[in-house]
Every structure is written in C-alpha cells, then in structure tokens.
Amino acid sequence: YGPRNCAGRGPALQEMRMVVCFIMQKLDLDFAEDWDPNESERGTYAYLTAVRQRLLVTIRSRDKA
C-alpha cells in the first residue's frame, strides 16, 4: 500500500485470473486415484506460511465440441 506499491500488481493479478480461467475452460482436473484427503490434512502444518503436502491431480484436455 502507499506510493511505493508495485505499479504492475493490478495487471499481474489480471493476467493470473486469465490463466486460471483458460485452464478451467480447456482442461479437466481430477484428484489422482491414490490421493487421500485425510492424509493431506494431517500433513498440513501452519507456521508463518502453510506447509502442505503435494496435491495429486490428473490433467487431461477436454474434448473439442
């Protein structure tokens, strides 16, 4: 915040939103078959930043209609 805030923050956030929208439109994301949500929750530790286990996902291109 303030006069020394990053001038490119707004455009960078907008670009990240566009990338997420593109991914959600073009790809199907599913949890991997061996992913266990309970194990993932037990492996999450909160310090100043969160330390999480890997989130296993399967990514495949959507069929073009």
Protein backbone atom coordinates (compact mmCIF):
# COMPACT_ATOMS: atom_id res chain seq x y z
CA TYR A 1 0.00 0.00 0.00
CA GLY A 2 1.08 3.57 -0.43
CA PRO A 3 3.08 5.49 -3.03
CA ARG A 4 5.73 2.78 -3.38
CA ASN A 5 3.31 -0.03 -4.09
CA CYS A 6 4.08 -2.15 -7.14
CA ALA A 7 2.75 -0.46 -10.29
CA GLY A 8 2.40 -3.80 -12.10
CA ARG A 9 0.39 -5.54 -9.38
CA GLY A 10 -3.02 -4.94 -10.98
CA PRO A 11 -2.05 -6.16 -14.46
CA ALA A 12 -0.22 -9.16 -12.94
CA LEU A 13 -3.29 -10.19 -10.94
CA GLN A 14 -5.49 -9.81 -14.03
CA GLU A 15 -3.10 -11.98 -16.03
CA MET A 16 -3.22 -14.68 -13.33
CA ARG A 17 -7.03 -14.59 -13.42
CA MET A 18 -6.97 -15.03 -17.19
CA VAL A 19 -4.62 -18.03 -16.94
CA VAL A 20 -6.84 -19.71 -14.33
CA CYS A 21 -9.93 -19.12 -16.50
CA PHE A 22 -8.12 -20.60 -19.51
CA ILE A 23 -7.10 -23.68 -17.53
CA MET A 24 -10.63 -24.19 -16.21
CA GLN A 25 -12.12 -23.88 -19.73
CA LYS A 26 -9.65 -26.07 -21.59
CA LEU A 27 -8.69 -28.77 -19.08
CA ASP A 28 -10.43 -31.25 -16.81
CA LEU A 29 -8.83 -31.51 -13.37
CA ASP A 30 -9.50 -34.53 -11.16
CA PHE A 31 -7.88 -35.78 -7.99
CA ALA A 32 -5.49 -38.66 -8.54
CA GLU A 33 -6.91 -42.06 -7.60
CA ASP A 34 -4.41 -42.57 -4.76
CA TRP A 35 -4.90 -39.08 -3.25
CA ASP A 36 -6.23 -39.24 0.32
CA PRO A 37 -7.77 -36.00 1.67
CA ASN A 38 -7.34 -37.15 5.28
CA GLU A 39 -3.63 -37.80 4.77
CA SER A 40 -3.26 -34.44 3.08
CA GLU A 41 -4.94 -32.69 6.02
CA ARG A 42 -2.68 -34.47 8.54
CA GLY A 43 0.35 -33.37 6.52
CA THR A 44 -0.56 -29.68 6.64
CA TYR A 45 1.37 -27.53 9.10
CA ALA A 46 0.83 -23.82 9.66
CA TYR A 47 3.76 -21.63 10.58
CA LEU A 48 4.14 -18.12 9.18
CA THR A 49 3.29 -19.76 5.87
CA ALA A 50 1.46 -23.03 5.30
CA VAL A 51 3.48 -26.16 4.56
CA ARG A 52 1.33 -28.59 2.62
CA GLN A 53 1.78 -31.98 1.09
CA ARG A 54 1.54 -32.46 -2.66
CA LEU A 55 -1.93 -32.24 -4.19
CA LEU A 56 -2.08 -35.01 -6.75
CA VAL A 57 -4.28 -34.24 -9.74
CA THR A 58 -4.88 -35.77 -13.15
CA ILE A 59 -4.97 -33.27 -16.02
CA ARG A 60 -6.40 -34.06 -19.45
CA SER A 61 -7.53 -31.98 -22.38
CA ARG A 62 -11.27 -31.55 -22.79
CA ASP A 63 -12.91 -32.94 -25.91
CA LYS A 64 -13.49 -30.27 -28.51
CA ALA A 65 -17.20 -29.89 -29.24
